[in-house]
PDB file of N, CA and C in Angstrom:
ATOM      1  N   MET A   1     115.485  93.644 109.384  1.00  0.00           N
ATOM      2  CA  MET A   1     114.884  92.208 108.812  1.00  0.00           C
ATOM      3  C   MET A   1     113.466  92.044 109.261  1.00  0.00           C
ATOM      4  N   ALA A   2     113.358  92.285 110.474  1.00  0.00           N
ATOM      5  CA  ALA A   2     111.934  92.293 111.072  1.00  0.00           C
ATOM      6  C   ALA A   2     110.870  93.093 110.380  1.00  0.00           C
ATOM      7  N   ASP A   3     111.333  94.394 110.024  1.00  0.00           N
ATOM      8  CA  ASP A   3     110.573  95.320 109.171  1.00  0.00           C
ATOM      9  C   ASP A   3     110.158  94.734 108.005  1.00  0.00           C
ATOM     10  N   ILE A   4     110.924  93.997 107.423  1.00  0.00           N
ATOM     11  CA  ILE A   4     110.763  93.551 105.956  1.00  0.00           C
ATOM     12  C   ILE A   4     109.550  92.373 106.214  1.00  0.00           C
ATOM     13  N   ALA A   5     109.706  91.575 107.218  1.00  0.00           N
ATOM     14  CA  ALA A   5     108.771  90.514 107.376  1.00  0.00           C
ATOM     15  C   ALA A   5     107.410  91.188 107.705  1.00  0.00           C
ATOM     16  N   LEU A   6     107.554  92.271 108.513  1.00  0.00           N
ATOM     17  CA  LEU A   6     106.255  92.742 108.592  1.00  0.00           C
ATOM     18  C   LEU A   6     105.512  93.584 107.572  1.00  0.00           C
ATOM     19  N   VAL A   7     106.234  94.196 106.489  1.00  0.00           N
ATOM     20  CA  VAL A   7     105.901  94.571 105.324  1.00  0.00           C
ATOM     21  C   VAL A   7     105.266  93.521 104.439  1.00  0.00           C
ATOM     22  N   ALA A   8     106.033  92.439 104.334  1.00  0.00           N
ATOM     23  CA  ALA A   8     105.722  91.436 103.508  1.00  0.00           C
ATOM     24  C   ALA A   8     104.229  90.716 104.060  1.00  0.00           C
ATOM     25  N   ALA A   9     104.362  90.438 105.130  1.00  0.00           N
ATOM     26  CA  ALA A   9     102.924  89.807 105.951  1.00  0.00           C
ATOM     27  C   ALA A   9     101.863  90.894 105.568  1.00  0.00           C
ATOM     28  N   GLY A  10     101.996  92.068 105.877  1.00  0.00           N
ATOM     29  CA  GLY A  10     100.911  93.119 105.688  1.00  0.00           C
ATOM     30  C   GLY A  10     100.613  93.130 104.231  1.00  0.00           C
ATOM     31  N   GLY A  11     101.446  93.236 103.501  1.00  0.00           N
ATOM     32  CA  GLY A  11     101.349  93.342 101.800  1.00  0.00           C
ATOM     33  C   GLY A  11     100.341  92.312 101.416  1.00  0.00           C
ATOM     34  N   ALA A  12     100.649  90.939 101.867  1.00  0.00           N
ATOM     35  CA  ALA A  12      99.888  89.767 101.355  1.00  0.00           C
ATOM     36  C   ALA A  12      98.521  90.088 102.035  1.00  0.00           C
ATOM     37  N   VAL A  13      98.289  90.399 103.248  1.00  0.00           N
ATOM     38  CA  VAL A  13      96.741  90.663 103.699  1.00  0.00           C
ATOM     39  C   VAL A  13      96.223  91.702 102.848  1.00  0.00           C
ATOM     40  N   GLY A  14      97.009  92.810 102.490  1.00  0.00           N
ATOM     41  CA  GLY A  14      96.162  93.993 101.796  1.00  0.00           C
ATOM     42  C   GLY A  14      95.941  93.543 100.567  1.00  0.00           C
ATOM     43  N   ALA A  15      96.749  92.880  99.806  1.00  0.00           N
ATOM     44  CA  ALA A  15      96.446  92.408  98.330  1.00  0.00           C
ATOM     45  C   ALA A  15      95.262  91.450  98.348  1.00  0.00           C
ATOM     46  N   VAL A  16      95.146  90.376  99.285  1.00  0.00           N
ATOM     47  CA  VAL A  16      94.082  89.552  99.356  1.00  0.00           C
ATOM     48  C   VAL A  16      92.859  90.413  99.744  1.00  0.00           C
ATOM     49  N   LEU A  17      92.929  91.188 100.619  1.00  0.00           N
ATOM     50  CA  LEU A  17      91.644  92.201 100.769  1.00  0.00           C
ATOM     51  C   LEU A  17      91.375  93.054  99.770  1.00  0.00           C
ATOM     52  N   ARG A  18      92.216  93.592  98.799  1.00  0.00           N
ATOM     53  CA  ARG A  18      92.011  94.288  97.828  1.00  0.00           C
ATOM     54  C   ARG A  18      91.230  93.494  96.649  1.00  0.00           C
ATOM     55  N   TYR A  19      91.781  92.208  96.471  1.00  0.00           N
ATOM     56  CA  TYR A  19      90.978  91.105  95.626  1.00  0.00           C
ATOM     57  C   TYR A  19      89.448  90.902  96.279  1.00  0.00           C
ATOM     58  N   ALA A  20      89.581  90.551  97.405  1.00  0.00           N
ATOM     59  CA  ALA A  20      88.114  90.146  97.888  1.00  0.00           C
ATOM     60  C   ALA A  20      87.119  91.191  97.713  1.00  0.00           C
ATOM     61  N   ILE A  21      87.586  92.373  98.217  1.00  0.00           N
ATOM     62  CA  ILE A  21      86.541  93.696  98.259  1.00  0.00           C
ATOM     63  C   ILE A  21      86.278  94.060  96.719  1.00  0.00           C
ATOM     64  N   GLY A  22      87.323  94.137  96.177  1.00  0.00           N
ATOM     65  CA  GLY A  22      87.276  94.529  94.851  1.00  0.00           C
ATOM     66  C   GLY A  22      86.146  93.673  93.971  1.00  0.00           C
ATOM     67  N   GLY A  23      86.516  92.383  94.229  1.00  0.00           N
ATOM     68  CA  GLY A  23      85.557  91.434  93.529  1.00  0.00           C
ATOM     69  C   GLY A  23      84.151  91.560  93.883  1.00  0.00           C
ATOM     70  N   VAL A  24      83.695  91.863  95.044  1.00  0.00           N
ATOM     71  CA  VAL A  24      82.333  92.085  95.683  1.00  0.00           C
ATOM     72  C   VAL A  24      81.799  93.206  94.851  1.00  0.00           C
ATOM     73  N   ILE A  25      82.492  94.400  94.890  1.00  0.00           N
ATOM     74  CA  ILE A  25      82.142  95.520  94.351  1.00  0.00           C
ATOM     75  C   ILE A  25      81.887  95.388  92.878  1.00  0.00           C
ATOM     76  N   ALA A  26      82.952  94.786  92.143  1.00  0.00           N
ATOM     77  CA  ALA A  26      82.716  94.548  90.809  1.00  0.00           C
ATOM     78  C   ALA A  26      81.555  93.648  90.412  1.00  0.00           C
ATOM     79  N   SER A  27      81.332  92.573  91.056  1.00  0.00           N
ATOM     80  CA  SER A  27      80.155  91.954  91.062  1.00  0.00           C
ATOM     81  C   SER A  27      78.771  92.537  91.219  1.00  0.00           C
ATOM     82  N   ARG A  28      78.723  93.618  91.966  1.00  0.00           N
ATOM     83  CA  ARG A  28      77.480  94.181  92.224  1.00  0.00           C
ATOM     84  C   ARG A  28      77.321  95.584  91.361  1.00  0.00           C
ATOM     85  N   ALA A  29      78.486  96.180  91.003  1.00  0.00           N
ATOM     86  CA  ALA A  29      78.501  97.425  90.261  1.00  0.00           C
ATOM     87  C   ALA A  29      79.068  97.321  88.797  1.00  0.00           C
ATOM     88  N   GLY A  30      79.353  96.160  88.573  1.00  0.00           N
ATOM     89  CA  GLY A  30      79.852  95.703  87.115  1.00  0.00           C
ATOM     90  C   GLY A  30      81.040  96.361  86.950  1.00  0.00           C
ATOM     91  N   THR A  31      81.671  96.260  85.825  1.00  0.00           N
ATOM     92  CA  THR A  31      83.096  96.672  85.512  1.00  0.00           C
ATOM     93  C   THR A  31      83.078  97.586  84.222  1.00  0.00           C
ATOM     94  N   ALA A  32      81.857  98.289  83.754  1.00  0.00           N
ATOM     95  CA  ALA A  32      82.010  99.282  82.701  1.00  0.00           C
ATOM     96  C   ALA A  32      82.840 100.539  83.290  1.00  0.00           C
ATOM     97  N   PHE A  33      82.703 100.781  84.449  1.00  0.00           N
ATOM     98  CA  PHE A  33      83.509 101.816  85.151  1.00  0.00           C
ATOM     99  C   PHE A  33      84.250 101.135  86.349  1.00  0.00           C
ATOM    100  N   PRO A  34      85.456 101.517  86.532  1.00  0.00           N
ATOM    101  CA  PRO A  34      86.196 100.835  87.493  1.00  0.00           C
ATOM    102  C   PRO A  34      85.957 101.262  89.107  1.00  0.00           C
ATOM    103  N   TRP A  35      84.540 101.075  89.569  1.00  0.00           N
ATOM    104  CA  TRP A  35      84.167 101.437  90.853  1.00  0.00           C
ATOM    105  C   TRP A  35      84.900 100.601  91.984  1.00  0.00           C
ATOM    106  N   HIS A  36      85.332  99.479  91.636  1.00  0.00           N
ATOM    107  CA  HIS A  36      85.973  98.567  92.453  1.00  0.00           C
ATOM    108  C   HIS A  36      87.493  99.349  92.976  1.00  0.00           C
ATOM    109  N   THR A  37      88.085  99.785  91.887  1.00  0.00           N
ATOM    110  CA  THR A  37      89.276 100.108  92.327  1.00  0.00           C
ATOM    111  C   THR A  37      89.256 101.613  92.994  1.00  0.00           C
ATOM    112  N   LEU A  38      88.257 102.572  92.491  1.00  0.00           N
ATOM    113  CA  LEU A  38      87.906 103.665  93.102  1.00  0.00           C
ATOM    114  C   LEU A  38      87.680 103.344  94.599  1.00  0.00           C
ATOM    115  N   VAL A  39      86.713 102.477  94.758  1.00  0.00           N
ATOM    116  CA  VAL A  39      86.189 102.423  96.329  1.00  0.00           C
ATOM    117  C   VAL A  39      87.510 101.929  97.262  1.00  0.00           C
ATOM    118  N   VAL A  40      88.323 100.967  96.653  1.00  0.00           N
ATOM    119  CA  VAL A  40      89.412 100.497  97.477  1.00  0.00           C
ATOM    120  C   VAL A  40      90.347 101.629  97.823  1.00  0.00           C
ATOM    121  N   ASN A  41      90.700 102.302  96.740  1.00  0.00           N
ATOM    122  CA  ASN A  41      91.730 103.455  96.803  1.00  0.00           C
ATOM    123  C   ASN A  41      91.251 104.599  97.729  1.00  0.00           C
ATOM    124  N   VAL A  42      90.089 104.941  97.684  1.00  0.00           N
ATOM    125  CA  VAL A  42      89.670 105.754  98.769  1.00  0.00           C
ATOM    126  C   VAL A  42      89.450 105.486 100.082  1.00  0.00           C
ATOM    127  N   LEU A  43      88.874 104.158 100.162  1.00  0.00           N
ATOM    128  CA  LEU A  43      88.982 103.492 101.499  1.00  0.00           C
ATOM    129  C   LEU A  43      90.445 103.387 102.036  1.00  0.00           C
ATOM    130  N   GLY A  44      91.554 103.114 101.371  1.00  0.00           N
ATOM    131  CA  GLY A  44      92.695 103.015 101.696  1.00  0.00           C
ATOM    132  C   GLY A  44      93.315 104.448 102.055  1.00  0.00           C
ATOM    133  N   ALA A  45      92.822 105.489 101.367  1.00  0.00           N
ATOM    134  CA  ALA A  45      93.347 106.692 101.609  1.00  0.00           C
ATOM    135  C   ALA A  45      92.839 107.249 103.036  1.00  0.00           C
ATOM    136  N   PHE A  46      91.557 106.726 103.371  1.00  0.00           N
ATOM    137  CA  PHE A  46      90.677 107.239 104.580  1.00  0.00           C
ATOM    138  C   PHE A  46      91.522 106.417 105.844  1.00  0.00           C
ATOM    139  N   LEU A  47      91.813 105.250 105.395  1.00  0.00           N
ATOM    140  CA  LEU A  47      92.527 104.502 106.577  1.00  0.00           C
ATOM    141  C   LEU A  47      93.908 104.868 106.685  1.00  0.00           C
ATOM    142  N   LEU A  48      94.606 105.239 105.867  1.00  0.00           N
ATOM    143  CA  LEU A  48      95.987 105.679 106.083  1.00  0.00           C
ATOM    144  C   LEU A  48      95.897 107.102 106.647  1.00  0.00           C
ATOM    145  N   GLY A  49      94.879 107.888 106.436  1.00  0.00           N
ATOM    146  CA  GLY A  49      94.895 108.998 107.262  1.00  0.00           C
ATOM    147  C   GLY A  49      94.496 108.807 108.836  1.00  0.00           C
ATOM    148  N   LEU A  50      93.563 107.855 108.970  1.00  0.00           N
ATOM    149  CA  LEU A  50      93.470 107.595 110.444  1.00  0.00           C
ATOM    150  C   LEU A  50      94.598 107.012 111.181  1.00  0.00           C
ATOM    151  N   LEU A  51      95.249 106.024 110.461  1.00  0.00           N
ATOM    152  CA  LEU A  51      96.368 105.361 110.801  1.00  0.00           C
ATOM    153  C   LEU A  51      97.598 106.440 111.141  1.00  0.00           C
ATOM    154  N   MET A  52      97.811 107.321 110.449  1.00  0.00           N
ATOM    155  CA  MET A  52      98.879 108.320 110.883  1.00  0.00           C
ATOM    156  C   MET A  52      98.481 109.344 111.853  1.00  0.00           C
ATOM    157  N   ALA A  53      97.040 109.738 112.041  1.00  0.00           N
ATOM    158  CA  ALA A  53      96.790 110.522 113.169  1.00  0.00           C
ATOM    159  C   ALA A  53      96.825 109.680 114.436  1.00  0.00           C
ATOM    160  N   LEU A  54      96.554 108.414 114.402  1.00  0.00           N
ATOM    161  CA  LEU A  54      96.543 107.602 115.629  1.00  0.00           C
ATOM    162  C   LEU A  54      98.129 107.333 115.783  1.00  0.00           C
ATOM    163  N   SER A  55      98.919 107.134 114.823  1.00  0.00           N
ATOM    164  CA  SER A  55     100.161 106.710 115.089  1.00  0.00           C
ATOM    165  C   SER A  55     101.313 107.838 115.230  1.00  0.00           C
ATOM    166  N   ALA A  56     101.408 108.552 114.070  1.00  0.00           N
ATOM    167  CA  ALA A  56     102.418 109.471 114.216  1.00  0.00           C
ATOM    168  C   ALA A  56     102.152 110.946 114.729  1.00  0.00           C
ATOM    169  N   GLU A  57     100.861 111.356 114.874  1.00  0.00           N
ATOM    170  CA  GLU A  57     100.596 112.424 115.754  1.00  0.00           C
ATOM    171  C   GLU A  57     100.129 112.087 116.964  1.00  0.00           C
ATOM    172  N   ARG A  58      99.553 111.173 117.376  1.00  0.00           N
ATOM    173  CA  ARG A  58      99.085 110.965 118.701  1.00  0.00           C
ATOM    174  C   ARG A  58      99.692 109.897 119.507  1.00  0.00           C
ATOM    175  N   ALA A  59     100.513 109.223 118.628  1.00  0.00           N
ATOM    176  CA  ALA A  59     101.422 108.065 119.246  1.00  0.00           C
ATOM    177  C   ALA A  59     100.611 106.995 119.981  1.00  0.00           C
ATOM    178  N   LEU A  60      99.454 106.696 119.515  1.00  0.00           N
ATOM    179  CA  LEU A  60      98.440 105.511 120.090  1.00  0.00           C
ATOM    180  C   LEU A  60      99.016 104.350 119.501  1.00  0.00           C
ATOM    181  N   LEU A  61      99.729 104.405 118.481  1.00  0.00           N
ATOM    182  CA  LEU A  61     100.071 103.131 117.988  1.00  0.00           C
ATOM    183  C   LEU A  61     101.775 103.340 117.482  1.00  0.00           C
ATOM    184  N   GLY A  62     102.434 102.351 117.883  1.00  0.00           N
ATOM    185  CA  GLY A  62     103.806 102.487 117.714  1.00  0.00           C
ATOM    186  C   GLY A  62     104.343 102.493 116.191  1.00  0.00           C
ATOM    187  N   PRO A  63     105.683 102.774 116.043  1.00  0.00           N
ATOM    188  CA  PRO A  63     106.189 102.806 114.508  1.00  0.00           C
ATOM    189  C   PRO A  63     105.924 101.134 113.892  1.00  0.00           C
ATOM    190  N   SER A  64     105.866 100.172 114.637  1.00  0.00           N
ATOM    191  CA  SER A  64     105.977  98.798 113.986  1.00  0.00           C
ATOM    192  C   SER A  64     104.483  98.754 113.406  1.00  0.00           C
ATOM    193  N   TRP A  65     103.515  99.326 114.150  1.00  0.00           N
ATOM    194  CA  TRP A  65     102.129  99.256 113.460  1.00  0.00           C
ATOM    195  C   TRP A  65     102.034 100.005 112.212  1.00  0.00           C
ATOM    196  N   ARG A  66     102.636 101.129 112.257  1.00  0.00           N
ATOM    197  CA  ARG A  66     102.690 102.097 111.266  1.00  0.00           C
ATOM    198  C   ARG A  66     103.426 101.329 109.948  1.00  0.00           C
ATOM    199  N   THR A  67     104.417 100.510 110.090  1.00  0.00           N
ATOM    200  CA  THR A  67     105.006  99.761 109.135  1.00  0.00           C
ATOM    201  C   THR A  67     104.337  98.672 108.592  1.00  0.00           C
ATOM    202  N   VAL A  68     103.636  97.733 109.385  1.00  0.00           N
ATOM    203  CA  VAL A  68     102.933  96.759 108.842  1.00  0.00           C
ATOM    204  C   VAL A  68     101.571  97.168 108.402  1.00  0.00           C
ATOM    205  N   LEU A  69     100.842  98.109 108.910  1.00  0.00           N
ATOM    206  CA  LEU A  69      99.558  98.585 108.477  1.00  0.00           C
ATOM    207  C   LEU A  69      99.564  99.705 107.266  1.00  0.00           C
ATOM    208  N   GLY A  70     100.396 100.700 107.351  1.00  0.00           N
ATOM    209  CA  GLY A  70     100.607 101.720 106.515  1.00  0.00           C
ATOM    210  C   GLY A  70     101.318 101.257 105.418  1.00  0.00           C
ATOM    211  N   ILE A  71     102.588 100.575 105.414  1.00  0.00           N
ATOM    212  CA  ILE A  71     103.318 100.284 104.251  1.00  0.00           C
ATOM    213  C   ILE A  71     102.975  98.798 103.629  1.00  0.00           C
ATOM    214  N   GLY A  72     102.618  98.056 104.668  1.00  0.00           N
ATOM    215  CA  GLY A  72     102.194  96.592 104.285  1.00  0.00           C
ATOM    216  C   GLY A  72     100.908  96.541 103.741  1.00  0.00           C
ATOM    217  N   VAL A  73      99.821  96.405 104.798  1.00  0.00           N
ATOM    218  CA  VAL A  73      98.702  96.260 104.618  1.00  0.00           C
ATOM    219  C   VAL A  73      98.046  97.235 103.478  1.00  0.00           C
ATOM    220  N   LEU A  74      98.003  98.717 103.991  1.00  0.00           N
ATOM    221  CA  LEU A  74      97.484  99.665 102.981  1.00  0.00           C
ATOM    222  C   LEU A  74      98.399  99.666 101.590  1.00  0.00           C
ATOM    223  N   GLY A  75      99.638  99.551 101.592  1.00  0.00           N
ATOM    224  CA  GLY A  75     100.370  99.425 100.510  1.00  0.00           C
ATOM    225  C   GLY A  75     100.016  98.300  99.548  1.00  0.00           C
ATOM    226  N   GLY A  76      99.682  97.187 100.071  1.00  0.00           N
ATOM    227  CA  GLY A  76      99.289  96.040  99.390  1.00  0.00           C
ATOM    228  C   GLY A  76      97.679  96.290  99.066  1.00  0.00           C
ATOM    229  N   PHE A  77      96.978  97.074  99.629  1.00  0.00           N
ATOM    230  CA  PHE A  77      95.576  97.290  99.514  1.00  0.00           C
ATOM    231  C   PHE A  77      95.198  98.082  98.475  1.00  0.00           C
ATOM    232  N   THR A  78      95.787  99.202  98.330  1.00  0.00           N
ATOM    233  CA  THR A  78      95.602 100.291  97.256  1.00  0.00           C
ATOM    234  C   THR A  78      96.500 100.175  96.081  1.00  0.00           C
ATOM    235  N   THR A  79      96.210 100.741  94.865  1.00  0.00           N
ATOM    236  CA  THR A  79      96.886 100.374  93.812  1.00  0.00           C
ATOM    237  C   THR A  79      96.832 101.701  92.807  1.00  0.00           C
ATOM    238  N   PHE A  80      97.860 102.380  92.778  1.00  0.00           N
ATOM    239  CA  PHE A  80      97.827 103.345  91.702  1.00  0.00           C
ATOM    240  C   PHE A  80      98.166 102.944  90.269  1.00  0.00           C
ATOM    241  N   SER A  81      98.875 101.902  90.063  1.00  0.00           N
ATOM    242  CA  SER A  81      98.932 101.357  88.635  1.00  0.00           C
ATOM    243  C   SER A  81      97.633 100.779  88.247  1.00  0.00           C
ATOM    244  N   THR A  82      96.661 100.230  88.952  1.00  0.00           N
ATOM    245  CA  THR A  82      95.465  99.891  88.379  1.00  0.00           C
ATOM    246  C   THR A  82      94.541 101.099  88.120  1.00  0.00           C
ATOM    247  N   LEU A  83      94.610 102.011  88.883  1.00  0.00           N
ATOM    248  CA  LEU A  83      94.025 103.341  88.681  1.00  0.00           C
ATOM    249  C   LEU A  83      94.481 103.832  87.194  1.00  0.00           C
ATOM    250  N   ALA A  84      95.693 103.954  86.913  1.00  0.00           N
ATOM    251  CA  ALA A  84      96.163 104.502  85.706  1.00  0.00           C
ATOM    252  C   ALA A  84      95.779 103.535  84.542  1.00  0.00           C
ATOM    253  N   TYR A  85      96.081 102.386  84.739  1.00  0.00           N
ATOM    254  CA  TYR A  85      95.691 101.328  83.499  1.00  0.00           C
ATOM    255  C   TYR A  85      94.197 101.495  83.289  1.00  0.00           C
ATOM    256  N   GLU A  86      93.504 101.486  84.214  1.00  0.00           N
ATOM    257  CA  GLU A  86      91.956 101.375  83.927  1.00  0.00           C
ATOM    258  C   GLU A  86      91.441 102.795  83.367  1.00  0.00           C
ATOM    259  N   SER A  87      92.191 103.747  83.850  1.00  0.00           N
ATOM    260  CA  SER A  87      91.642 105.178  82.960  1.00  0.00           C
ATOM    261  C   SER A  87      92.266 105.121  81.743  1.00  0.00           C
ATOM    262  N   VAL A  88      93.338 104.713  81.374  1.00  0.00           N
ATOM    263  CA  VAL A  88      93.943 104.706  79.954  1.00  0.00           C
ATOM    264  C   VAL A  88      93.036 103.719  79.136  1.00  0.00           C
ATOM    265  N   ARG A  89      92.430 102.612  79.682  1.00  0.00           N
ATOM    266  CA  ARG A  89      91.685 101.681  79.022  1.00  0.00           C
ATOM    267  C   ARG A  89      90.439 102.281  78.665  1.00  0.00           C
ATOM    268  N   LEU A  90      89.723 103.110  79.714  1.00  0.00           N
ATOM    269  CA  LEU A  90      88.458 103.840  79.349  1.00  0.00           C
ATOM    270  C   LEU A  90      88.753 104.716  78.216  1.00  0.00           C
ATOM    271  N   MET A  91      89.749 105.435  78.186  1.00  0.00           N
ATOM    272  CA  MET A  91      90.136 106.604  77.004  1.00  0.00           C
ATOM    273  C   MET A  91      90.283 105.789  75.711  1.00  0.00           C
ATOM    274  N   GLU A  92      90.867 104.644  75.786  1.00  0.00           N
ATOM    275  CA  GLU A  92      91.096 103.810  74.532  1.00  0.00           C
ATOM    276  C   GLU A  92      89.789 103.312  73.868  1.00  0.00           C
ATOM    277  N   GLN A  93      88.863 103.211  74.855  1.00  0.00           N
ATOM    278  CA  GLN A  93      87.462 102.645  74.506  1.00  0.00           C
ATOM    279  C   GLN A  93      86.566 103.686  74.134  1.00  0.00           C
ATOM    280  N   GLY A  94      87.091 105.098  74.016  1.00  0.00           N
ATOM    281  CA  GLY A  94      86.303 106.033  73.527  1.00  0.00           C
ATOM    282  C   GLY A  94      85.656 106.644  74.679  1.00  0.00           C
ATOM    283  N   LEU A  95      85.943 106.784  75.777  1.00  0.00           N
ATOM    284  CA  LEU A  95      85.415 107.230  76.873  1.00  0.00           C
ATOM    285  C   LEU A  95      86.308 108.189  77.655  1.00  0.00           C
ATOM    286  N   PRO A  96      86.813 109.266  77.109  1.00  0.00           N
ATOM    287  CA  PRO A  96      87.607 110.005  77.628  1.00  0.00           C
ATOM    288  C   PRO A  96      87.292 110.855  78.926  1.00  0.00           C
ATOM    289  N   THR A  97      85.759 111.089  78.829  1.00  0.00           N
ATOM    290  CA  THR A  97      85.465 111.822  80.215  1.00  0.00           C
ATOM    291  C   THR A  97      85.515 110.775  81.139  1.00  0.00           C
ATOM    292  N   ALA A  98      85.053 109.560  80.951  1.00  0.00           N
ATOM    293  CA  ALA A  98      85.062 108.675  82.140  1.00  0.00           C
ATOM    294  C   ALA A  98      86.450 108.366  82.613  1.00  0.00           C
ATOM    295  N   GLY A  99      87.411 108.327  81.633  1.00  0.00           N
ATOM    296  CA  GLY A  99      88.853 107.990  81.975  1.00  0.00           C
ATOM    297  C   GLY A  99      89.387 109.372  82.821  1.00  0.00           C
ATOM    298  N   LEU A 100      89.093 110.363  82.411  1.00  0.00           N
ATOM    299  CA  LEU A 100      89.555 111.633  83.293  1.00  0.00           C
ATOM    300  C   LEU A 100      88.806 111.820  84.559  1.00  0.00           C
ATOM    301  N   LEU A 101      87.517 111.285  84.455  1.00  0.00           N
ATOM    302  CA  LEU A 101      86.706 111.403  85.786  1.00  0.00           C
ATOM    303  C   LEU A 101      87.363 110.373  86.773  1.00  0.00           C
ATOM    304  N   ASN A 102      87.870 109.362  86.169  1.00  0.00           N
ATOM    305  CA  ASN A 102      88.368 108.413  87.142  1.00  0.00           C
ATOM    306  C   ASN A 102      89.575 108.592  87.781  1.00  0.00           C
ATOM    307  N   VAL A 103      90.443 109.330  86.966  1.00  0.00           N
ATOM    308  CA  VAL A 103      91.760 109.805  87.453  1.00  0.00           C
ATOM    309  C   VAL A 103      91.592 110.992  88.443  1.00  0.00           C
ATOM    310  N   PHE A 104      90.740 112.013  88.043  1.00  0.00           N
ATOM    311  CA  PHE A 104      90.791 113.200  88.873  1.00  0.00           C
ATOM    312  C   PHE A 104      89.565 112.895  90.000  1.00  0.00           C
ATOM    313  N   GLY A 105      88.585 112.264  89.848  1.00  0.00           N
ATOM    314  CA  GLY A 105      87.811 112.002  90.847  1.00  0.00           C
ATOM    315  C   GLY A 105      88.549 111.045  91.872  1.00  0.00           C
ATOM    316  N   SER A 106      89.168 110.129  91.658  1.00  0.00           N
ATOM    317  CA  SER A 106      90.070 109.295  92.469  1.00  0.00           C
ATOM    318  C   SER A 106      90.889 110.181  93.374  1.00  0.00           C
ATOM    319  N   ALA A 107      91.469 111.258  92.755  1.00  0.00           N
ATOM    320  CA  ALA A 107      92.572 111.946  93.325  1.00  0.00           C
ATOM    321  C   ALA A 107      91.846 112.761  94.432  1.00  0.00           C
ATOM    322  N   LEU A 108      90.604 113.454  94.101  1.00  0.00           N
ATOM    323  CA  LEU A 108      89.851 114.406  94.953  1.00  0.00           C
ATOM    324  C   LEU A 108      89.425 113.576  96.067  1.00  0.00           C
ATOM    325  N   LEU A 109      88.707 112.431  95.701  1.00  0.00           N
ATOM    326  CA  LEU A 109      88.181 111.643  96.738  1.00  0.00           C
ATOM    327  C   LEU A 109      89.235 111.104  97.860  1.00  0.00           C
ATOM    328  N   GLY A 110      90.163 110.653  97.161  1.00  0.00           N
ATOM    329  CA  GLY A 110      91.491 110.365  97.977  1.00  0.00           C
ATOM    330  C   GLY A 110      91.796 111.192  99.089  1.00  0.00           C
ATOM    331  N   LEU A 111      91.968 112.596  98.550  1.00  0.00           N
ATOM    332  CA  LEU A 111      92.419 113.695  99.445  1.00  0.00           C
ATOM    333  C   LEU A 111      91.210 113.839 100.508  1.00  0.00           C
ATOM    334  N   ILE A 112      90.207 113.862 100.134  1.00  0.00           N
ATOM    335  CA  ILE A 112      88.832 114.045 101.108  1.00  0.00           C
ATOM    336  C   ILE A 112      89.234 112.744 102.053  1.00  0.00           C
ATOM    337  N   ALA A 113      89.190 111.786 101.577  1.00  0.00           N
ATOM    338  CA  ALA A 113      89.115 110.721 102.480  1.00  0.00           C
ATOM    339  C   ALA A 113      90.338 110.683 103.490  1.00  0.00           C
ATOM    340  N   VAL A 114      91.493 111.100 103.144  1.00  0.00           N
ATOM    341  CA  VAL A 114      92.704 111.344 104.007  1.00  0.00           C
ATOM    342  C   VAL A 114      92.255 112.334 104.928  1.00  0.00           C
ATOM    343  N   ILE A 115      91.711 113.397 104.696  1.00  0.00           N
ATOM    344  CA  ILE A 115      91.372 114.477 105.531  1.00  0.00           C
ATOM    345  C   ILE A 115      90.266 113.938 106.586  1.00  0.00           C
ATOM    346  N   ALA A 116      89.289 113.174 106.020  1.00  0.00           N
ATOM    347  CA  ALA A 116      88.262 112.606 107.025  1.00  0.00           C
ATOM    348  C   ALA A 116      88.954 111.540 107.909  1.00  0.00           C
ATOM    349  N   GLY A 117      89.906 110.949 107.527  1.00  0.00           N
ATOM    350  CA  GLY A 117      90.830 109.730 108.278  1.00  0.00           C
ATOM    351  C   GLY A 117      91.525 110.508 109.418  1.00  0.00           C
ATOM    352  N   LEU A 118      92.139 111.653 108.918  1.00  0.00           N
ATOM    353  CA  LEU A 118      92.980 112.479 109.827  1.00  0.00           C
ATOM    354  C   LEU A 118      92.106 112.967 110.994  1.00  0.00           C
ATOM    355  N   GLY A 119      90.898 113.618 110.413  1.00  0.00           N
ATOM    356  CA  GLY A 119      90.044 114.098 111.413  1.00  0.00           C
ATOM    357  C   GLY A 119      89.551 113.263 112.364  1.00  0.00           C
ATOM    358  N   LEU A 120      89.133 111.975 111.896  1.00  0.00           N
ATOM    359  CA  LEU A 120      88.488 110.998 112.865  1.00  0.00           C
ATOM    360  C   LEU A 120      89.695 110.371 113.786  1.00  0.00           C
ATOM    361  N   GLY A 121      90.982 110.328 113.243  1.00  0.00           N
ATOM    362  CA  GLY A 121      91.963 110.032 114.352  1.00  0.00           C
ATOM    363  C   GLY A 121      92.425 111.070 115.217  1.00  0.00           C
ATOM    364  N   ARG A 122      92.214 112.246 114.851  1.00  0.00           N
ATOM    365  CA  ARG A 122      92.604 113.278 115.873  1.00  0.00           C
ATOM    366  C   ARG A 122      91.304 113.553 116.818  1.00  0.00           C
ATOM    367  N   ALA A 123      90.348 113.206 116.467  1.00  0.00           N
ATOM    368  CA  ALA A 123      89.051 113.369 117.479  1.00  0.00           C
ATOM    369  C   ALA A 123      88.943 112.179 118.486  1.00  0.00           C
ATOM    370  N   LEU A 124      89.424 111.056 118.108  1.00  0.00           N
ATOM    371  CA  LEU A 124      89.477 109.888 119.092  1.00  0.00           C
ATOM    372  C   LEU A 124      90.192 109.998 120.192  1.00  0.00           C
TER     373      LEU A 124
END
């Protein structure tokens, strides 16, 4: 039951952070392309890589931290469903290249971000 409370609390924090950071990015970059979702998802991927290196590989953080930060905060922070929706909307608006770039660019940048986060966590 304690893990459920950790995930719930972390998820609330992550969702609020996504809303706040996404809002700042959208206000500065506009919403013609979903930069706000791309940045949040790539940042989340980096942070998850860092967290896993520090917790699962190096045991510098215990399993409870992995639960609250990885599943809770970062689970609430990142969003695959929004990525999918925004990509489809771009395609429906006659911008298929932008929609595909959003999908594949997010996936590639997410992988690179996880690798970078793991690398940093392993180097610390």
